[in-house]
């Protein structure tokens, strides 16, 4: 697989977004770590380090990003499940 200039530009764009997330954590007095999760060049989720603010060593950027995915997933699916349950009762 050959890496194109477009691939490089896309990767640099998303890395800048992760750095922006890291800057948010740094502004809050945290160690500057940011995370973006993408799929097909679309932003899926993001997060930044909040271990000190949350007094929780597991509030890493990547965990926060995955937690946000789960919140969205649960919201979307609970809404559908609720609608189906109401129709079927």
PDB file of N, CA and C in Angstrom:
ATOM      1  N   UNK A   1       0.838  -1.178   0.000  1.00  0.00           N
ATOM      2  CA  UNK A   1       0.000   0.000   0.000  1.00  0.00           C
ATOM      3  C   UNK A   1       0.883   1.241   0.000  1.00  0.00           C
ATOM      4  N   UNK A   2       0.597   2.127  -0.895  1.00  0.00           N
ATOM      5  CA  UNK A   2       1.391   3.346  -1.018  1.00  0.00           C
ATOM      6  C   UNK A   2       0.711   4.493  -0.267  1.00  0.00           C
ATOM      7  N   UNK A   3       1.485   5.233   0.473  1.00  0.00           N
ATOM      8  CA  UNK A   3       0.979   6.391   1.211  1.00  0.00           C
ATOM      9  C   UNK A   3       1.046   7.605   0.295  1.00  0.00           C
ATOM     10  N   UNK A   4      -0.092   8.275   0.155  1.00  0.00           N
ATOM     11  CA  UNK A   4      -0.162   9.447  -0.719  1.00  0.00           C
ATOM     12  C   UNK A   4      -0.032  10.727   0.100  1.00  0.00           C
ATOM     13  N   UNK A   5       0.156  11.823  -0.592  1.00  0.00           N
ATOM     14  CA  UNK A   5       0.209  13.128   0.077  1.00  0.00           C
ATOM     15  C   UNK A   5      -1.124  13.420   0.761  1.00  0.00           C
ATOM     16  N   UNK A   6      -2.211  12.990   0.142  1.00  0.00           N
ATOM     17  CA  UNK A   6      -3.525  13.170   0.746  1.00  0.00           C
ATOM     18  C   UNK A   6      -3.621  12.422   2.078  1.00  0.00           C
ATOM     19  N   UNK A   7      -3.075  11.200   2.123  1.00  0.00           N
ATOM     20  CA  UNK A   7      -3.052  10.433   3.376  1.00  0.00           C
ATOM     21  C   UNK A   7      -2.269  11.173   4.452  1.00  0.00           C
ATOM     22  N   UNK A   8      -1.137  11.712   4.060  1.00  0.00           N
ATOM     23  CA  UNK A   8      -0.289  12.452   5.004  1.00  0.00           C
ATOM     24  C   UNK A   8      -1.024  13.675   5.515  1.00  0.00           C
ATOM     25  N   UNK A   9      -1.672  14.424   4.612  1.00  0.00           N
ATOM     26  CA  UNK A   9      -2.414  15.623   5.014  1.00  0.00           C
ATOM     27  C   UNK A   9      -3.554  15.268   5.970  1.00  0.00           C
ATOM     28  N   UNK A  10      -4.251  14.180   5.669  1.00  0.00           N
ATOM     29  CA  UNK A  10      -5.352  13.739   6.527  1.00  0.00           C
ATOM     30  C   UNK A  10      -4.835  13.358   7.909  1.00  0.00           C
ATOM     31  N   UNK A  11      -3.770  12.590   7.948  1.00  0.00           N
ATOM     32  CA  UNK A  11      -3.192  12.193   9.237  1.00  0.00           C
ATOM     33  C   UNK A  11      -2.721  13.399  10.030  1.00  0.00           C
ATOM     34  N   UNK A  12      -2.101  14.358   9.352  1.00  0.00           N
ATOM     35  CA  UNK A  12      -1.649  15.574  10.040  1.00  0.00           C
ATOM     36  C   UNK A  12      -2.834  16.357  10.589  1.00  0.00           C
ATOM     37  N   UNK A  13      -3.916  16.421   9.830  1.00  0.00           N
ATOM     38  CA  UNK A  13      -5.113  17.128  10.295  1.00  0.00           C
ATOM     39  C   UNK A  13      -5.628  16.510  11.598  1.00  0.00           C
ATOM     40  N   UNK A  14      -5.781  15.179  11.611  1.00  0.00           N
ATOM     41  CA  UNK A  14      -6.322  14.524  12.802  1.00  0.00           C
ATOM     42  C   UNK A  14      -5.344  14.566  13.964  1.00  0.00           C
ATOM     43  N   UNK A  15      -4.056  14.525  13.677  1.00  0.00           N
ATOM     44  CA  UNK A  15      -3.068  14.667  14.756  1.00  0.00           C
ATOM     45  C   UNK A  15      -3.150  16.060  15.374  1.00  0.00           C
ATOM     46  N   UNK A  16      -3.398  17.080  14.540  1.00  0.00           N
ATOM     47  CA  UNK A  16      -3.570  18.438  15.083  1.00  0.00           C
ATOM     48  C   UNK A  16      -4.789  18.492  16.001  1.00  0.00           C
ATOM     49  N   UNK A  17      -5.845  17.798  15.605  1.00  0.00           N
ATOM     50  CA  UNK A  17      -7.038  17.761  16.453  1.00  0.00           C
ATOM     51  C   UNK A  17      -6.735  17.079  17.791  1.00  0.00           C
ATOM     52  N   UNK A  18      -5.960  16.008  17.758  1.00  0.00           N
ATOM     53  CA  UNK A  18      -5.557  15.343  19.007  1.00  0.00           C
ATOM     54  C   UNK A  18      -4.705  16.285  19.855  1.00  0.00           C
ATOM     55  N   UNK A  19      -3.842  17.045  19.203  1.00  0.00           N
ATOM     56  CA  UNK A  19      -3.033  18.026  19.937  1.00  0.00           C
ATOM     57  C   UNK A  19      -3.906  19.124  20.535  1.00  0.00           C
ATOM     58  N   UNK A  20      -4.973  19.513  19.837  1.00  0.00           N
ATOM     59  CA  UNK A  20      -5.916  20.488  20.395  1.00  0.00           C
ATOM     60  C   UNK A  20      -6.577  19.932  21.653  1.00  0.00           C
ATOM     61  N   UNK A  21      -6.926  18.662  21.620  1.00  0.00           N
ATOM     62  CA  UNK A  21      -7.485  18.011  22.812  1.00  0.00           C
ATOM     63  C   UNK A  21      -6.456  18.007  23.943  1.00  0.00           C
ATOM     64  N   UNK A  22      -5.206  17.730  23.601  1.00  0.00           N
ATOM     65  CA  UNK A  22      -4.133  17.741  24.604  1.00  0.00           C
ATOM     66  C   UNK A  22      -3.991  19.131  25.212  1.00  0.00           C
ATOM     67  N   UNK A  23      -4.146  20.153  24.394  1.00  0.00           N
ATOM     68  CA  UNK A  23      -4.047  21.525  24.896  1.00  0.00           C
ATOM     69  C   UNK A  23      -5.149  21.807  25.915  1.00  0.00           C
ATOM     70  N   UNK A  24      -6.338  21.256  25.686  1.00  0.00           N
ATOM     71  CA  UNK A  24      -7.420  21.422  26.662  1.00  0.00           C
ATOM     72  C   UNK A  24      -7.032  20.825  28.008  1.00  0.00           C
ATOM     73  N   UNK A  25      -6.445  19.642  27.982  1.00  0.00           N
ATOM     74  CA  UNK A  25      -6.043  19.035  29.255  1.00  0.00           C
ATOM     75  C   UNK A  25      -4.925  19.834  29.911  1.00  0.00           C
ATOM     76  N   UNK A  26      -4.004  20.338  29.109  1.00  0.00           N
ATOM     77  CA  UNK A  26      -2.907  21.152  29.646  1.00  0.00           C
ATOM     78  C   UNK A  26      -3.453  22.430  30.274  1.00  0.00           C
ATOM     79  N   UNK A  27      -4.454  23.033  29.644  1.00  0.00           N
ATOM     80  CA  UNK A  27      -5.073  24.249  30.185  1.00  0.00           C
ATOM     81  C   UNK A  27      -5.725  23.995  31.534  1.00  0.00           C
ATOM     82  N   UNK A  28      -6.146  22.745  31.753  1.00  0.00           N
ATOM     83  CA  UNK A  28      -6.759  22.364  33.030  1.00  0.00           C
ATOM     84  C   UNK A  28      -5.731  21.878  34.049  1.00  0.00           C
ATOM     85  N   UNK A  29      -4.440  22.036  33.729  1.00  0.00           N
ATOM     86  CA  UNK A  29      -3.392  21.617  34.645  1.00  0.00           C
ATOM     87  C   UNK A  29      -3.068  20.134  34.589  1.00  0.00           C
ATOM     88  N   UNK A  30      -3.518  19.475  33.545  1.00  0.00           N
ATOM     89  CA  UNK A  30      -3.279  18.043  33.380  1.00  0.00           C
ATOM     90  C   UNK A  30      -2.044  17.807  32.514  1.00  0.00           C
ATOM     91  N   UNK A  31      -1.574  16.576  32.498  1.00  0.00           N
ATOM     92  CA  UNK A  31      -0.543  16.190  31.533  1.00  0.00           C
ATOM     93  C   UNK A  31      -1.205  16.234  30.162  1.00  0.00           C
ATOM     94  N   UNK A  32      -0.603  16.920  29.194  1.00  0.00           N
ATOM     95  CA  UNK A  32      -1.269  17.144  27.907  1.00  0.00           C
ATOM     96  C   UNK A  32      -1.318  15.901  27.013  1.00  0.00           C
ATOM     97  N   UNK A  33      -2.442  15.199  27.101  1.00  0.00           N
ATOM     98  CA  UNK A  33      -2.679  14.042  26.242  1.00  0.00           C
ATOM     99  C   UNK A  33      -4.078  14.180  25.662  1.00  0.00           C
ATOM    100  N   UNK A  34      -4.177  14.034  24.343  1.00  0.00           N
ATOM    101  CA  UNK A  34      -5.465  14.099  23.667  1.00  0.00           C
ATOM    102  C   UNK A  34      -5.657  12.904  22.767  1.00  0.00           C
ATOM    103  N   UNK A  35      -6.896  12.649  22.409  1.00  0.00           N
ATOM    104  CA  UNK A  35      -7.216  11.494  21.573  1.00  0.00           C
ATOM    105  C   UNK A  35      -8.367  11.851  20.646  1.00  0.00           C
ATOM    106  N   UNK A  36      -8.267  11.464  19.395  1.00  0.00           N
ATOM    107  CA  UNK A  36      -9.401  11.504  18.479  1.00  0.00           C
ATOM    108  C   UNK A  36      -9.535  10.121  17.861  1.00  0.00           C
ATOM    109  N   UNK A  37     -10.759   9.693  17.685  1.00  0.00           N
ATOM    110  CA  UNK A  37     -11.049   8.422  17.025  1.00  0.00           C
ATOM    111  C   UNK A  37     -11.827   8.750  15.766  1.00  0.00           C
ATOM    112  N   UNK A  38     -11.352   8.237  14.647  1.00  0.00           N
ATOM    113  CA  UNK A  38     -11.985   8.519  13.363  1.00  0.00           C
ATOM    114  C   UNK A  38     -12.332   7.218  12.653  1.00  0.00           C
ATOM    115  N   UNK A  39     -13.241   7.337  11.711  1.00  0.00           N
ATOM    116  CA  UNK A  39     -13.587   6.226  10.826  1.00  0.00           C
ATOM    117  C   UNK A  39     -13.940   6.829   9.479  1.00  0.00           C
ATOM    118  N   UNK A  40     -13.288   6.369   8.442  1.00  0.00           N
ATOM    119  CA  UNK A  40     -13.517   6.894   7.091  1.00  0.00           C
ATOM    120  C   UNK A  40     -13.407   8.417   7.057  1.00  0.00           C
ATOM    121  N   UNK A  41     -12.409   8.927   7.749  1.00  0.00           N
ATOM    122  CA  UNK A  41     -12.106  10.356   7.788  1.00  0.00           C
ATOM    123  C   UNK A  41     -13.216  11.200   8.428  1.00  0.00           C
ATOM    124  N   UNK A  42     -14.003  10.586   9.288  1.00  0.00           N
ATOM    125  CA  UNK A  42     -15.026  11.294  10.057  1.00  0.00           C
ATOM    126  C   UNK A  42     -14.690  11.153  11.535  1.00  0.00           C
ATOM    127  N   UNK A  43     -14.881  12.230  12.276  1.00  0.00           N
ATOM    128  CA  UNK A  43     -14.660  12.181  13.718  1.00  0.00           C
ATOM    129  C   UNK A  43     -15.736  11.320  14.365  1.00  0.00           C
ATOM    130  N   UNK A  44     -15.324  10.328  15.118  1.00  0.00           N
ATOM    131  CA  UNK A  44     -16.245   9.455  15.833  1.00  0.00           C
ATOM    132  C   UNK A  44     -16.312   9.869  17.299  1.00  0.00           C
ATOM    133  N   UNK A  45     -15.155  10.155  17.890  1.00  0.00           N
ATOM    134  CA  UNK A  45     -15.112  10.518  19.295  1.00  0.00           C
ATOM    135  C   UNK A  45     -13.798  11.219  19.612  1.00  0.00           C
ATOM    136  N   UNK A  46     -13.747  11.781  20.800  1.00  0.00           N
ATOM    137  CA  UNK A  46     -12.547  12.484  21.242  1.00  0.00           C
ATOM    138  C   UNK A  46     -12.486  12.441  22.762  1.00  0.00           C
ATOM    139  N   UNK A  47     -11.327  12.734  23.287  1.00  0.00           N
ATOM    140  CA  UNK A  47     -11.164  12.806  24.730  1.00  0.00           C
ATOM    141  C   UNK A  47      -9.834  13.435  25.076  1.00  0.00           C
ATOM    142  N   UNK A  48      -9.700  13.823  26.321  1.00  0.00           N
ATOM    143  CA  UNK A  48      -8.423  14.348  26.793  1.00  0.00           C
ATOM    144  C   UNK A  48      -8.223  13.957  28.249  1.00  0.00           C
ATOM    145  N   UNK A  49      -6.989  13.975  28.662  1.00  0.00           N
ATOM    146  CA  UNK A  49      -6.605  13.546  30.001  1.00  0.00           C
ATOM    147  C   UNK A  49      -7.311  14.383  31.060  1.00  0.00           C
ATOM    148  N   UNK A  50      -7.949  13.697  32.020  1.00  0.00           N
ATOM    149  CA  UNK A  50      -8.637  14.375  33.122  1.00  0.00           C
ATOM    150  C   UNK A  50      -8.371  13.669  34.451  1.00  0.00           C
ATOM    151  N   UNK A  51      -7.214  13.024  34.549  1.00  0.00           N
ATOM    152  CA  UNK A  51      -6.929  12.221  35.742  1.00  0.00           C
ATOM    153  C   UNK A  51      -6.877  13.049  37.018  1.00  0.00           C
ATOM    154  N   UNK A  52      -6.290  14.230  36.969  1.00  0.00           N
ATOM    155  CA  UNK A  52      -6.194  15.064  38.173  1.00  0.00           C
ATOM    156  C   UNK A  52      -7.540  15.680  38.526  1.00  0.00           C
ATOM    157  N   UNK A  53      -8.218  16.231  37.539  1.00  0.00           N
ATOM    158  CA  UNK A  53      -9.502  16.891  37.786  1.00  0.00           C
ATOM    159  C   UNK A  53     -10.532  15.910  38.334  1.00  0.00           C
ATOM    160  N   UNK A  54     -10.517  14.694  37.815  1.00  0.00           N
ATOM    161  CA  UNK A  54     -11.486  13.702  38.259  1.00  0.00           C
ATOM    162  C   UNK A  54     -11.021  12.862  39.426  1.00  0.00           C
ATOM    163  N   UNK A  55      -9.791  13.133  39.896  1.00  0.00           N
ATOM    164  CA  UNK A  55      -9.207  12.333  40.980  1.00  0.00           C
ATOM    165  C   UNK A  55      -9.355  10.841  40.678  1.00  0.00           C
ATOM    166  N   UNK A  56      -9.071  10.502  39.407  1.00  0.00           N
ATOM    167  CA  UNK A  56      -9.257   9.130  38.949  1.00  0.00           C
ATOM    168  C   UNK A  56      -8.177   8.809  37.924  1.00  0.00           C
ATOM    169  N   UNK A  57      -7.327   7.873  38.247  1.00  0.00           N
ATOM    170  CA  UNK A  57      -6.216   7.524  37.369  1.00  0.00           C
ATOM    171  C   UNK A  57      -6.609   6.874  36.061  1.00  0.00           C
ATOM    172  N   UNK A  58      -7.899   6.556  35.897  1.00  0.00           N
ATOM    173  CA  UNK A  58      -8.327   5.930  34.643  1.00  0.00           C
ATOM    174  C   UNK A  58      -8.928   6.920  33.653  1.00  0.00           C
ATOM    175  N   UNK A  59      -8.930   8.191  33.978  1.00  0.00           N
ATOM    176  CA  UNK A  59      -9.528   9.180  33.075  1.00  0.00           C
ATOM    177  C   UNK A  59      -8.530   9.634  32.012  1.00  0.00           C
ATOM    178  N   UNK A  60      -7.926   8.659  31.358  1.00  0.00           N
ATOM    179  CA  UNK A  60      -6.995   8.936  30.262  1.00  0.00           C
ATOM    180  C   UNK A  60      -7.781   9.377  29.034  1.00  0.00           C
ATOM    181  N   UNK A  61      -7.101  10.040  28.123  1.00  0.00           N
ATOM    182  CA  UNK A  61      -7.732  10.560  26.916  1.00  0.00           C
ATOM    183  C   UNK A  61      -8.443   9.471  26.122  1.00  0.00           C
ATOM    184  N   UNK A  62      -7.756   8.347  25.905  1.00  0.00           N
ATOM    185  CA  UNK A  62      -8.351   7.287  25.084  1.00  0.00           C
ATOM    186  C   UNK A  62      -9.543   6.642  25.780  1.00  0.00           C
ATOM    187  N   UNK A  63      -9.495   6.520  27.107  1.00  0.00           N
ATOM    188  CA  UNK A  63     -10.637   5.961  27.829  1.00  0.00           C
ATOM    189  C   UNK A  63     -11.830   6.906  27.750  1.00  0.00           C
ATOM    190  N   UNK A  64     -11.563   8.189  27.861  1.00  0.00           N
ATOM    191  CA  UNK A  64     -12.628   9.180  27.743  1.00  0.00           C
ATOM    192  C   UNK A  64     -13.279   9.115  26.362  1.00  0.00           C
ATOM    193  N   UNK A  65     -12.458   8.960  25.325  1.00  0.00           N
ATOM    194  CA  UNK A  65     -12.984   8.865  23.958  1.00  0.00           C
ATOM    195  C   UNK A  65     -13.861   7.624  23.801  1.00  0.00           C
ATOM    196  N   UNK A  66     -13.415   6.489  24.328  1.00  0.00           N
ATOM    197  CA  UNK A  66     -14.220   5.271  24.236  1.00  0.00           C
ATOM    198  C   UNK A  66     -15.477   5.368  25.096  1.00  0.00           C
ATOM    199  N   UNK A  67     -15.385   6.016  26.252  1.00  0.00           N
ATOM    200  CA  UNK A  67     -16.576   6.218  27.079  1.00  0.00           C
ATOM    201  C   UNK A  67     -17.621   7.031  26.327  1.00  0.00           C
ATOM    202  N   UNK A  68     -17.188   8.056  25.603  1.00  0.00           N
ATOM    203  CA  UNK A  68     -18.118   8.873  24.829  1.00  0.00           C
ATOM    204  C   UNK A  68     -18.795   8.042  23.745  1.00  0.00           C
ATOM    205  N   UNK A  69     -18.036   7.163  23.095  1.00  0.00           N
ATOM    206  CA  UNK A  69     -18.637   6.270  22.096  1.00  0.00           C
ATOM    207  C   UNK A  69     -19.729   5.422  22.749  1.00  0.00           C
ATOM    208  N   UNK A  70     -19.454   4.893  23.923  1.00  0.00           N
ATOM    209  CA  UNK A  70     -20.441   4.050  24.602  1.00  0.00           C
ATOM    210  C   UNK A  70     -21.672   4.844  25.022  1.00  0.00           C
ATOM    211  N   UNK A  71     -21.489   6.076  25.449  1.00  0.00           N
ATOM    212  CA  UNK A  71     -22.626   6.923  25.820  1.00  0.00           C
ATOM    213  C   UNK A  71     -23.512   7.152  24.607  1.00  0.00           C
ATOM    214  N   UNK A  72     -22.902   7.502  23.486  1.00  0.00           N
ATOM    215  CA  UNK A  72     -23.667   7.741  22.260  1.00  0.00           C
ATOM    216  C   UNK A  72     -24.348   6.456  21.808  1.00  0.00           C
ATOM    217  N   UNK A  73     -23.610   5.345  21.804  1.00  0.00           N
ATOM    218  CA  UNK A  73     -24.162   4.052  21.392  1.00  0.00           C
ATOM    219  C   UNK A  73     -25.374   3.682  22.251  1.00  0.00           C
ATOM    220  N   UNK A  74     -25.211   3.792  23.561  1.00  0.00           N
ATOM    221  CA  UNK A  74     -26.316   3.445  24.463  1.00  0.00           C
ATOM    222  C   UNK A  74     -27.514   4.355  24.247  1.00  0.00           C
ATOM    223  N   UNK A  75     -27.267   5.637  24.031  1.00  0.00           N
ATOM    224  CA  UNK A  75     -28.367   6.567  23.793  1.00  0.00           C
ATOM    225  C   UNK A  75     -29.115   6.194  22.525  1.00  0.00           C
ATOM    226  N   UNK A  76     -28.386   5.976  21.443  1.00  0.00           N
ATOM    227  CA  UNK A  76     -29.025   5.652  20.169  1.00  0.00           C
ATOM    228  C   UNK A  76     -29.794   4.341  20.249  1.00  0.00           C
ATOM    229  N   UNK A  77     -29.214   3.359  20.903  1.00  0.00           N
ATOM    230  CA  UNK A  77     -29.871   2.062  20.956  1.00  0.00           C
ATOM    231  C   UNK A  77     -30.982   2.006  22.000  1.00  0.00           C
ATOM    232  N   UNK A  78     -30.859   2.719  23.090  1.00  0.00           N
ATOM    233  CA  UNK A  78     -31.931   2.707  24.080  1.00  0.00           C
ATOM    234  C   UNK A  78     -33.150   3.427  23.530  1.00  0.00           C
ATOM    235  N   UNK A  79     -32.943   4.453  22.713  1.00  0.00           N
ATOM    236  CA  UNK A  79     -34.067   5.165  22.111  1.00  0.00           C
ATOM    237  C   UNK A  79     -34.830   4.240  21.184  1.00  0.00           C
ATOM    238  N   UNK A  80     -34.112   3.471  20.361  1.00  0.00           N
ATOM    239  CA  UNK A  80     -34.758   2.535  19.443  1.00  0.00           C
ATOM    240  C   UNK A  80     -35.437   1.418  20.220  1.00  0.00           C
ATOM    241  N   UNK A  81     -34.759   0.884  21.224  1.00  0.00           N
ATOM    242  CA  UNK A  81     -35.337  -0.199  22.014  1.00  0.00           C
ATOM    243  C   UNK A  81     -36.602   0.265  22.725  1.00  0.00           C
ATOM    244  N   UNK A  82     -36.585   1.482  23.244  1.00  0.00           N
ATOM    245  CA  UNK A  82     -37.757   2.009  23.931  1.00  0.00           C
ATOM    246  C   UNK A  82     -38.918   2.162  22.968  1.00  0.00           C
ATOM    247  N   UNK A  83     -38.624   2.671  21.780  1.00  0.00           N
ATOM    248  CA  UNK A  83     -39.677   2.852  20.782  1.00  0.00           C
ATOM    249  C   UNK A  83     -40.258   1.507  20.366  1.00  0.00           C
ATOM    250  N   UNK A  84     -39.406   0.520  20.163  1.00  0.00           N
ATOM    251  CA  UNK A  84     -39.870  -0.814  19.775  1.00  0.00           C
ATOM    252  C   UNK A  84     -40.672  -1.439  20.907  1.00  0.00           C
ATOM    253  N   UNK A  85     -40.196  -1.292  22.138  1.00  0.00           N
ATOM    254  CA  UNK A  85     -40.908  -1.852  23.290  1.00  0.00           C
ATOM    255  C   UNK A  85     -42.300  -1.258  23.404  1.00  0.00           C
ATOM    256  N   UNK A  86     -42.420   0.034  23.192  1.00  0.00           N
ATOM    257  CA  UNK A  86     -43.725   0.689  23.296  1.00  0.00           C
ATOM    258  C   UNK A  86     -44.661   0.210  22.195  1.00  0.00           C
ATOM    259  N   UNK A  87     -44.116  -0.021  21.001  1.00  0.00           N
ATOM    260  CA  UNK A  87     -44.943  -0.497  19.898  1.00  0.00           C
ATOM    261  C   UNK A  87     -45.395  -1.935  20.109  1.00  0.00           C
ATOM    262  N   UNK A  88     -44.594  -2.721  20.791  1.00  0.00           N
ATOM    263  CA  UNK A  88     -44.865  -4.155  20.936  1.00  0.00           C
ATOM    264  C   UNK A  88     -45.648  -4.493  22.195  1.00  0.00           C
ATOM    265  N   UNK A  89     -46.010  -3.509  23.004  1.00  0.00           N
ATOM    266  CA  UNK A  89     -46.749  -3.822  24.236  1.00  0.00           C
ATOM    267  C   UNK A  89     -48.180  -3.386  24.137  1.00  0.00           C
TER     268      UNK A  89
END
